[in-house]
PDB file of N, CA and C in Angstrom:
ATOM      1  N   MET A   1      79.491 111.931 136.290  1.00  0.00           N
ATOM      2  CA  MET A   1      79.503 113.263 135.584  1.00  0.00           C
ATOM      3  C   MET A   1      79.837 112.658 134.212  1.00  0.00           C
ATOM      4  N   PRO A   2      79.904 113.941 133.108  1.00  0.00           N
ATOM      5  CA  PRO A   2      80.548 113.743 131.912  1.00  0.00           C
ATOM      6  C   PRO A   2      81.771 114.163 132.137  1.00  0.00           C
ATOM      7  N   ILE A   3      82.608 113.520 131.332  1.00  0.00           N
ATOM      8  CA  ILE A   3      83.788 113.978 131.187  1.00  0.00           C
ATOM      9  C   ILE A   3      84.557 115.245 131.018  1.00  0.00           C
ATOM     10  N   GLU A   4      83.765 116.501 130.067  1.00  0.00           N
ATOM     11  CA  GLU A   4      84.159 117.449 129.935  1.00  0.00           C
ATOM     12  C   GLU A   4      84.130 118.450 130.720  1.00  0.00           C
ATOM     13  N   PRO A   5      82.814 118.340 131.738  1.00  0.00           N
ATOM     14  CA  PRO A   5      82.204 119.115 133.073  1.00  0.00           C
ATOM     15  C   PRO A   5      83.674 119.408 134.084  1.00  0.00           C
ATOM     16  N   GLN A   6      84.133 117.675 134.272  1.00  0.00           N
ATOM     17  CA  GLN A   6      85.334 117.158 134.966  1.00  0.00           C
ATOM     18  C   GLN A   6      86.488 118.003 134.631  1.00  0.00           C
ATOM     19  N   ILE A   7      86.766 118.018 133.343  1.00  0.00           N
ATOM     20  CA  ILE A   7      88.222 118.755 132.951  1.00  0.00           C
ATOM     21  C   ILE A   7      87.875 120.281 133.073  1.00  0.00           C
ATOM     22  N   ARG A   8      86.706 120.800 132.803  1.00  0.00           N
ATOM     23  CA  ARG A   8      86.608 122.211 132.909  1.00  0.00           C
ATOM     24  C   ARG A   8      86.519 122.156 134.136  1.00  0.00           C
ATOM     25  N   GLN A   9      86.218 121.846 135.452  1.00  0.00           N
ATOM     26  CA  GLN A   9      85.907 122.157 136.627  1.00  0.00           C
ATOM     27  C   GLN A   9      87.632 121.962 137.134  1.00  0.00           C
ATOM     28  N   TYR A  10      87.963 121.078 136.697  1.00  0.00           N
ATOM     29  CA  TYR A  10      89.869 121.014 137.262  1.00  0.00           C
ATOM     30  C   TYR A  10      90.343 122.167 136.656  1.00  0.00           C
ATOM     31  N   LEU A  11      90.455 121.995 135.805  1.00  0.00           N
ATOM     32  CA  LEU A  11      91.370 123.931 135.093  1.00  0.00           C
ATOM     33  C   LEU A  11      90.820 124.796 135.955  1.00  0.00           C
ATOM     34  N   ALA A  12      89.637 124.905 135.892  1.00  0.00           N
ATOM     35  CA  ALA A  12      88.731 126.409 136.708  1.00  0.00           C
ATOM     36  C   ALA A  12      90.194 126.309 138.185  1.00  0.00           C
ATOM     37  N   GLU A  13      89.665 125.084 138.606  1.00  0.00           N
ATOM     38  CA  GLU A  13      90.154 125.216 140.128  1.00  0.00           C
ATOM     39  C   GLU A  13      91.859 125.166 140.193  1.00  0.00           C
ATOM     40  N   ASN A  14      92.721 124.865 139.139  1.00  0.00           N
ATOM     41  CA  ASN A  14      93.836 124.793 138.918  1.00  0.00           C
ATOM     42  C   ASN A  14      94.781 125.490 138.239  1.00  0.00           C
ATOM     43  N   PHE A  15      94.388 126.692 137.396  1.00  0.00           N
ATOM     44  CA  PHE A  15      94.928 127.020 136.055  1.00  0.00           C
ATOM     45  C   PHE A  15      94.019 128.200 136.073  1.00  0.00           C
ATOM     46  N   LEU A  16      93.069 128.615 136.316  1.00  0.00           N
ATOM     47  CA  LEU A  16      92.159 129.677 135.830  1.00  0.00           C
ATOM     48  C   LEU A  16      91.805 130.455 137.026  1.00  0.00           C
ATOM     49  N   PHE A  17      92.176 130.220 138.064  1.00  0.00           N
ATOM     50  CA  PHE A  17      92.163 131.248 139.347  1.00  0.00           C
ATOM     51  C   PHE A  17      91.907 132.423 139.357  1.00  0.00           C
ATOM     52  N   SER A  18      93.094 133.018 138.508  1.00  0.00           N
ATOM     53  CA  SER A  18      93.314 134.394 138.435  1.00  0.00           C
ATOM     54  C   SER A  18      92.545 135.070 137.579  1.00  0.00           C
ATOM     55  N   ASP A  19      91.643 134.293 136.698  1.00  0.00           N
ATOM     56  CA  ASP A  19      90.715 134.786 135.710  1.00  0.00           C
ATOM     57  C   ASP A  19      89.331 134.594 135.883  1.00  0.00           C
ATOM     58  N   ASN A  20      88.811 135.504 136.678  1.00  0.00           N
ATOM     59  CA  ASN A  20      87.558 135.039 137.413  1.00  0.00           C
ATOM     60  C   ASN A  20      86.281 135.206 136.197  1.00  0.00           C
ATOM     61  N   GLY A  21      85.764 134.078 135.825  1.00  0.00           N
ATOM     62  CA  GLY A  21      84.803 134.667 134.309  1.00  0.00           C
ATOM     63  C   GLY A  21      85.096 134.439 133.375  1.00  0.00           C
ATOM     64  N   TYR A  22      86.495 133.874 133.399  1.00  0.00           N
ATOM     65  CA  TYR A  22      86.873 133.130 131.802  1.00  0.00           C
ATOM     66  C   TYR A  22      86.265 132.012 131.522  1.00  0.00           C
ATOM     67  N   GLU A  23      85.948 131.783 130.346  1.00  0.00           N
ATOM     68  CA  GLU A  23      85.575 130.709 129.676  1.00  0.00           C
ATOM     69  C   GLU A  23      85.951 129.852 128.720  1.00  0.00           C
ATOM     70  N   LEU A  24      86.807 128.472 129.263  1.00  0.00           N
ATOM     71  CA  LEU A  24      87.745 128.565 127.742  1.00  0.00           C
ATOM     72  C   LEU A  24      86.691 127.327 127.068  1.00  0.00           C
ATOM     73  N   GLU A  25      86.635 127.944 125.633  1.00  0.00           N
ATOM     74  CA  GLU A  25      85.789 126.981 124.853  1.00  0.00           C
ATOM     75  C   GLU A  25      86.809 125.610 124.913  1.00  0.00           C
ATOM     76  N   ASP A  26      85.748 124.733 124.384  1.00  0.00           N
ATOM     77  CA  ASP A  26      85.860 123.336 124.481  1.00  0.00           C
ATOM     78  C   ASP A  26      87.175 122.729 123.235  1.00  0.00           C
ATOM     79  N   GLU A  27      87.053 123.635 122.033  1.00  0.00           N
ATOM     80  CA  GLU A  27      88.273 123.314 121.151  1.00  0.00           C
ATOM     81  C   GLU A  27      89.598 124.379 121.223  1.00  0.00           C
ATOM     82  N   ALA A  28      89.596 125.454 122.329  1.00  0.00           N
ATOM     83  CA  ALA A  28      90.552 126.305 122.396  1.00  0.00           C
ATOM     84  C   ALA A  28      91.622 125.597 123.033  1.00  0.00           C
ATOM     85  N   SER A  29      92.834 126.049 122.639  1.00  0.00           N
ATOM     86  CA  SER A  29      94.267 125.347 122.478  1.00  0.00           C
ATOM     87  C   SER A  29      94.924 125.932 124.295  1.00  0.00           C
ATOM     88  N   PHE A  30      95.442 124.929 124.918  1.00  0.00           N
ATOM     89  CA  PHE A  30      95.496 125.269 126.454  1.00  0.00           C
ATOM     90  C   PHE A  30      96.877 126.023 126.194  1.00  0.00           C
ATOM     91  N   LEU A  31      97.670 125.611 125.787  1.00  0.00           N
ATOM     92  CA  LEU A  31      99.141 126.292 125.448  1.00  0.00           C
ATOM     93  C   LEU A  31      98.850 127.530 124.430  1.00  0.00           C
ATOM     94  N   GLU A  32      98.239 127.671 123.586  1.00  0.00           N
ATOM     95  CA  GLU A  32      97.936 128.978 122.622  1.00  0.00           C
ATOM     96  C   GLU A  32      97.286 129.940 123.616  1.00  0.00           C
ATOM     97  N   GLU A  33      96.266 129.597 124.315  1.00  0.00           N
ATOM     98  CA  GLU A  33      95.226 130.336 125.440  1.00  0.00           C
ATOM     99  C   GLU A  33      96.536 131.004 126.592  1.00  0.00           C
ATOM    100  N   GLY A  34      97.385 130.276 126.924  1.00  0.00           N
ATOM    101  CA  GLY A  34      98.250 130.418 128.381  1.00  0.00           C
ATOM    102  C   GLY A  34      97.720 129.467 129.053  1.00  0.00           C
ATOM    103  N   VAL A  35      96.639 128.550 129.118  1.00  0.00           N
ATOM    104  CA  VAL A  35      96.136 128.333 130.264  1.00  0.00           C
ATOM    105  C   VAL A  35      97.047 127.148 130.512  1.00  0.00           C
ATOM    106  N   VAL A  36      97.778 126.335 130.165  1.00  0.00           N
ATOM    107  CA  VAL A  36      98.517 125.220 130.570  1.00  0.00           C
ATOM    108  C   VAL A  36      99.694 125.450 129.958  1.00  0.00           C
ATOM    109  N   ASP A  37     101.134 125.511 130.694  1.00  0.00           N
ATOM    110  CA  ASP A  37     102.461 125.163 130.479  1.00  0.00           C
ATOM    111  C   ASP A  37     102.644 123.578 130.433  1.00  0.00           C
ATOM    112  N   SER A  38     104.196 123.595 130.117  1.00  0.00           N
ATOM    113  CA  SER A  38     104.608 122.107 130.116  1.00  0.00           C
ATOM    114  C   SER A  38     104.632 121.165 131.323  1.00  0.00           C
ATOM    115  N   THR A  39     104.724 122.416 132.517  1.00  0.00           N
ATOM    116  CA  THR A  39     104.580 121.812 133.676  1.00  0.00           C
ATOM    117  C   THR A  39     103.088 121.607 134.239  1.00  0.00           C
ATOM    118  N   GLY A  40     102.281 122.144 133.582  1.00  0.00           N
ATOM    119  CA  GLY A  40     100.810 121.921 133.902  1.00  0.00           C
ATOM    120  C   GLY A  40     100.633 120.776 133.146  1.00  0.00           C
ATOM    121  N   VAL A  41     101.032 120.444 131.752  1.00  0.00           N
ATOM    122  CA  VAL A  41     100.454 119.268 131.005  1.00  0.00           C
ATOM    123  C   VAL A  41     100.859 117.824 132.000  1.00  0.00           C
ATOM    124  N   LEU A  42     101.774 117.845 132.381  1.00  0.00           N
ATOM    125  CA  LEU A  42     102.109 116.891 133.290  1.00  0.00           C
ATOM    126  C   LEU A  42     101.351 116.949 134.530  1.00  0.00           C
ATOM    127  N   GLU A  43     100.624 118.009 135.383  1.00  0.00           N
ATOM    128  CA  GLU A  43      99.406 118.017 136.115  1.00  0.00           C
ATOM    129  C   GLU A  43      98.326 117.522 135.426  1.00  0.00           C
ATOM    130  N   LEU A  44      98.011 118.125 134.529  1.00  0.00           N
ATOM    131  CA  LEU A  44      96.688 117.265 133.725  1.00  0.00           C
ATOM    132  C   LEU A  44      97.023 115.395 133.223  1.00  0.00           C
ATOM    133  N   VAL A  45      98.165 115.228 133.245  1.00  0.00           N
ATOM    134  CA  VAL A  45      98.371 113.747 133.331  1.00  0.00           C
ATOM    135  C   VAL A  45      97.980 113.282 134.194  1.00  0.00           C
ATOM    136  N   MET A  46      98.495 113.546 135.648  1.00  0.00           N
ATOM    137  CA  MET A  46      97.768 113.143 136.870  1.00  0.00           C
ATOM    138  C   MET A  46      96.571 113.202 137.337  1.00  0.00           C
ATOM    139  N   PHE A  47      96.004 114.234 137.197  1.00  0.00           N
ATOM    140  CA  PHE A  47      94.465 114.757 137.069  1.00  0.00           C
ATOM    141  C   PHE A  47      93.620 113.179 136.293  1.00  0.00           C
ATOM    142  N   VAL A  48      94.386 113.483 134.983  1.00  0.00           N
ATOM    143  CA  VAL A  48      93.315 112.267 134.211  1.00  0.00           C
ATOM    144  C   VAL A  48      93.397 111.018 134.823  1.00  0.00           C
ATOM    145  N   GLU A  49      94.677 110.723 135.002  1.00  0.00           N
ATOM    146  CA  GLU A  49      95.177 109.297 135.637  1.00  0.00           C
ATOM    147  C   GLU A  49      94.116 108.890 137.229  1.00  0.00           C
ATOM    148  N   GLU A  50      94.557 109.955 138.059  1.00  0.00           N
ATOM    149  CA  GLU A  50      93.641 109.765 138.924  1.00  0.00           C
ATOM    150  C   GLU A  50      92.037 109.384 139.066  1.00  0.00           C
ATOM    151  N   THR A  51      91.673 110.277 138.203  1.00  0.00           N
ATOM    152  CA  THR A  51      89.970 110.784 138.292  1.00  0.00           C
ATOM    153  C   THR A  51      89.829 109.643 137.327  1.00  0.00           C
ATOM    154  N   PHE A  52      89.941 109.214 136.289  1.00  0.00           N
ATOM    155  CA  PHE A  52      89.234 108.418 135.392  1.00  0.00           C
ATOM    156  C   PHE A  52      90.198 107.011 135.663  1.00  0.00           C
ATOM    157  N   GLY A  53      91.026 106.874 136.321  1.00  0.00           N
ATOM    158  CA  GLY A  53      91.660 105.486 136.257  1.00  0.00           C
ATOM    159  C   GLY A  53      92.611 104.752 135.118  1.00  0.00           C
ATOM    160  N   ILE A  54      92.576 105.514 134.227  1.00  0.00           N
ATOM    161  CA  ILE A  54      93.718 105.211 133.178  1.00  0.00           C
ATOM    162  C   ILE A  54      95.087 105.211 133.594  1.00  0.00           C
ATOM    163  N   THR A  55      95.914 104.806 133.032  1.00  0.00           N
ATOM    164  CA  THR A  55      97.520 104.999 132.604  1.00  0.00           C
ATOM    165  C   THR A  55      97.717 105.813 131.381  1.00  0.00           C
ATOM    166  N   VAL A  56      98.489 106.854 131.519  1.00  0.00           N
ATOM    167  CA  VAL A  56      98.753 107.568 130.201  1.00  0.00           C
ATOM    168  C   VAL A  56     100.483 107.180 129.957  1.00  0.00           C
ATOM    169  N   GLN A  57     100.730 106.705 129.156  1.00  0.00           N
ATOM    170  CA  GLN A  57     101.951 106.317 128.473  1.00  0.00           C
ATOM    171  C   GLN A  57     102.545 107.692 128.060  1.00  0.00           C
ATOM    172  N   ASP A  58     103.671 107.681 127.964  1.00  0.00           N
ATOM    173  CA  ASP A  58     104.431 108.764 127.754  1.00  0.00           C
ATOM    174  C   ASP A  58     104.623 108.990 126.377  1.00  0.00           C
ATOM    175  N   GLU A  59     104.660 108.134 125.439  1.00  0.00           N
ATOM    176  CA  GLU A  59     104.052 108.887 124.034  1.00  0.00           C
ATOM    177  C   GLU A  59     102.875 109.124 123.677  1.00  0.00           C
ATOM    178  N   GLU A  60     102.209 109.010 124.739  1.00  0.00           N
ATOM    179  CA  GLU A  60     100.419 109.624 124.240  1.00  0.00           C
ATOM    180  C   GLU A  60     100.518 110.992 125.137  1.00  0.00           C
ATOM    181  N   ILE A  61     101.373 111.610 125.714  1.00  0.00           N
ATOM    182  CA  ILE A  61     101.577 112.957 125.664  1.00  0.00           C
ATOM    183  C   ILE A  61     101.721 113.661 124.992  1.00  0.00           C
ATOM    184  N   VAL A  62     100.921 113.848 124.303  1.00  0.00           N
ATOM    185  CA  VAL A  62     100.991 114.760 122.691  1.00  0.00           C
ATOM    186  C   VAL A  62     100.127 115.980 123.055  1.00  0.00           C
ATOM    187  N   PRO A  63     100.250 116.876 121.977  1.00  0.00           N
ATOM    188  CA  PRO A  63      99.030 118.054 121.888  1.00  0.00           C
ATOM    189  C   PRO A  63      97.916 117.569 121.240  1.00  0.00           C
ATOM    190  N   GLN A  64      97.902 116.577 120.470  1.00  0.00           N
ATOM    191  CA  GLN A  64      96.823 115.891 120.124  1.00  0.00           C
ATOM    192  C   GLN A  64      95.586 115.429 120.943  1.00  0.00           C
ATOM    193  N   ASN A  65      96.233 114.925 122.308  1.00  0.00           N
ATOM    194  CA  ASN A  65      95.614 114.288 123.119  1.00  0.00           C
ATOM    195  C   ASN A  65      95.224 115.078 124.393  1.00  0.00           C
ATOM    196  N   PHE A  66      96.136 116.238 124.750  1.00  0.00           N
ATOM    197  CA  PHE A  66      96.117 117.153 125.847  1.00  0.00           C
ATOM    198  C   PHE A  66      95.616 118.486 125.977  1.00  0.00           C
ATOM    199  N   ASP A  67      95.646 119.004 124.520  1.00  0.00           N
ATOM    200  CA  ASP A  67      95.568 120.211 124.061  1.00  0.00           C
ATOM    201  C   ASP A  67      94.120 121.085 124.276  1.00  0.00           C
ATOM    202  N   SER A  68      93.293 120.748 124.352  1.00  0.00           N
ATOM    203  CA  SER A  68      91.970 121.075 124.570  1.00  0.00           C
ATOM    204  C   SER A  68      90.984 120.547 125.238  1.00  0.00           C
ATOM    205  N   VAL A  69      89.950 120.948 125.579  1.00  0.00           N
ATOM    206  CA  VAL A  69      88.860 120.190 126.607  1.00  0.00           C
ATOM    207  C   VAL A  69      88.586 118.992 125.587  1.00  0.00           C
ATOM    208  N   SER A  70      88.271 119.374 124.379  1.00  0.00           N
ATOM    209  CA  SER A  70      87.539 118.554 123.660  1.00  0.00           C
ATOM    210  C   SER A  70      88.321 117.094 123.151  1.00  0.00           C
ATOM    211  N   GLN A  71      89.881 117.700 122.673  1.00  0.00           N
ATOM    212  CA  GLN A  71      91.012 116.757 122.663  1.00  0.00           C
ATOM    213  C   GLN A  71      91.125 115.836 123.824  1.00  0.00           C
ATOM    214  N   LEU A  72      91.210 116.458 125.351  1.00  0.00           N
ATOM    215  CA  LEU A  72      91.547 115.197 126.214  1.00  0.00           C
ATOM    216  C   LEU A  72      90.420 114.603 126.765  1.00  0.00           C
ATOM    217  N   ALA A  73      89.043 115.105 126.028  1.00  0.00           N
ATOM    218  CA  ALA A  73      87.927 114.105 126.622  1.00  0.00           C
ATOM    219  C   ALA A  73      87.569 113.090 125.600  1.00  0.00           C
ATOM    220  N   ALA A  74      88.318 113.630 124.783  1.00  0.00           N
ATOM    221  CA  ALA A  74      88.122 112.256 123.405  1.00  0.00           C
ATOM    222  C   ALA A  74      89.545 111.025 123.645  1.00  0.00           C
ATOM    223  N   TYR A  75      90.346 111.563 124.152  1.00  0.00           N
ATOM    224  CA  TYR A  75      91.347 110.658 124.746  1.00  0.00           C
ATOM    225  C   TYR A  75      90.971 109.638 126.206  1.00  0.00           C
ATOM    226  N   VAL A  76      90.476 110.933 126.700  1.00  0.00           N
ATOM    227  CA  VAL A  76      90.160 109.609 127.889  1.00  0.00           C
ATOM    228  C   VAL A  76      88.878 108.689 127.502  1.00  0.00           C
ATOM    229  N   ARG A  77      87.936 109.026 126.549  1.00  0.00           N
ATOM    230  CA  ARG A  77      87.154 108.032 126.188  1.00  0.00           C
ATOM    231  C   ARG A  77      87.398 107.096 125.531  1.00  0.00           C
ATOM    232  N   ARG A  78      88.425 107.181 124.276  1.00  0.00           N
ATOM    233  CA  ARG A  78      89.665 105.964 123.991  1.00  0.00           C
ATOM    234  C   ARG A  78      89.877 105.100 125.030  1.00  0.00           C
ATOM    235  N   LYS A  79      90.516 105.201 125.946  1.00  0.00           N
ATOM    236  CA  LYS A  79      91.773 104.933 126.971  1.00  0.00           C
ATOM    237  C   LYS A  79      90.316 104.395 127.438  1.00  0.00           C
ATOM    238  N   LEU A  80      89.004 104.746 128.102  1.00  0.00           N
ATOM    239  CA  LEU A  80      88.372 103.848 128.907  1.00  0.00           C
ATOM    240  C   LEU A  80      87.400 102.781 127.633  1.00  0.00           C
ATOM    241  N   GLY A  81      87.479 102.552 126.156  1.00  0.00           N
ATOM    242  CA  GLY A  81      86.883 101.733 125.739  1.00  0.00           C
ATOM    243  C   GLY A  81      85.969 102.304 124.886  1.00  0.00           C
ATOM    244  N   GLY A  82      85.479 103.436 125.301  1.00  0.00           N
ATOM    245  CA  GLY A  82      84.375 104.090 124.569  1.00  0.00           C
ATOM    246  C   GLY A  82      84.288 105.238 123.622  1.00  0.00           C
TER     247      GLY A  82
END
């Protein structure tokens, strides 16, 4: 399964459960949209590590990597070498 659908599914199941029918655009900021808070970012890190088999370094936990579906997918692709 491509990376973006896996991220969207995880967000829907873990963060958007009270917003039935809400669709998060790939470029929408998780923080600005109120989807993920600082604790949620740590949960996203664990999801990414477990799902894609990568290790996230502390210095990589920045908005440029973890603040939207598209940014997170691009980060995962870089870590996977593609």
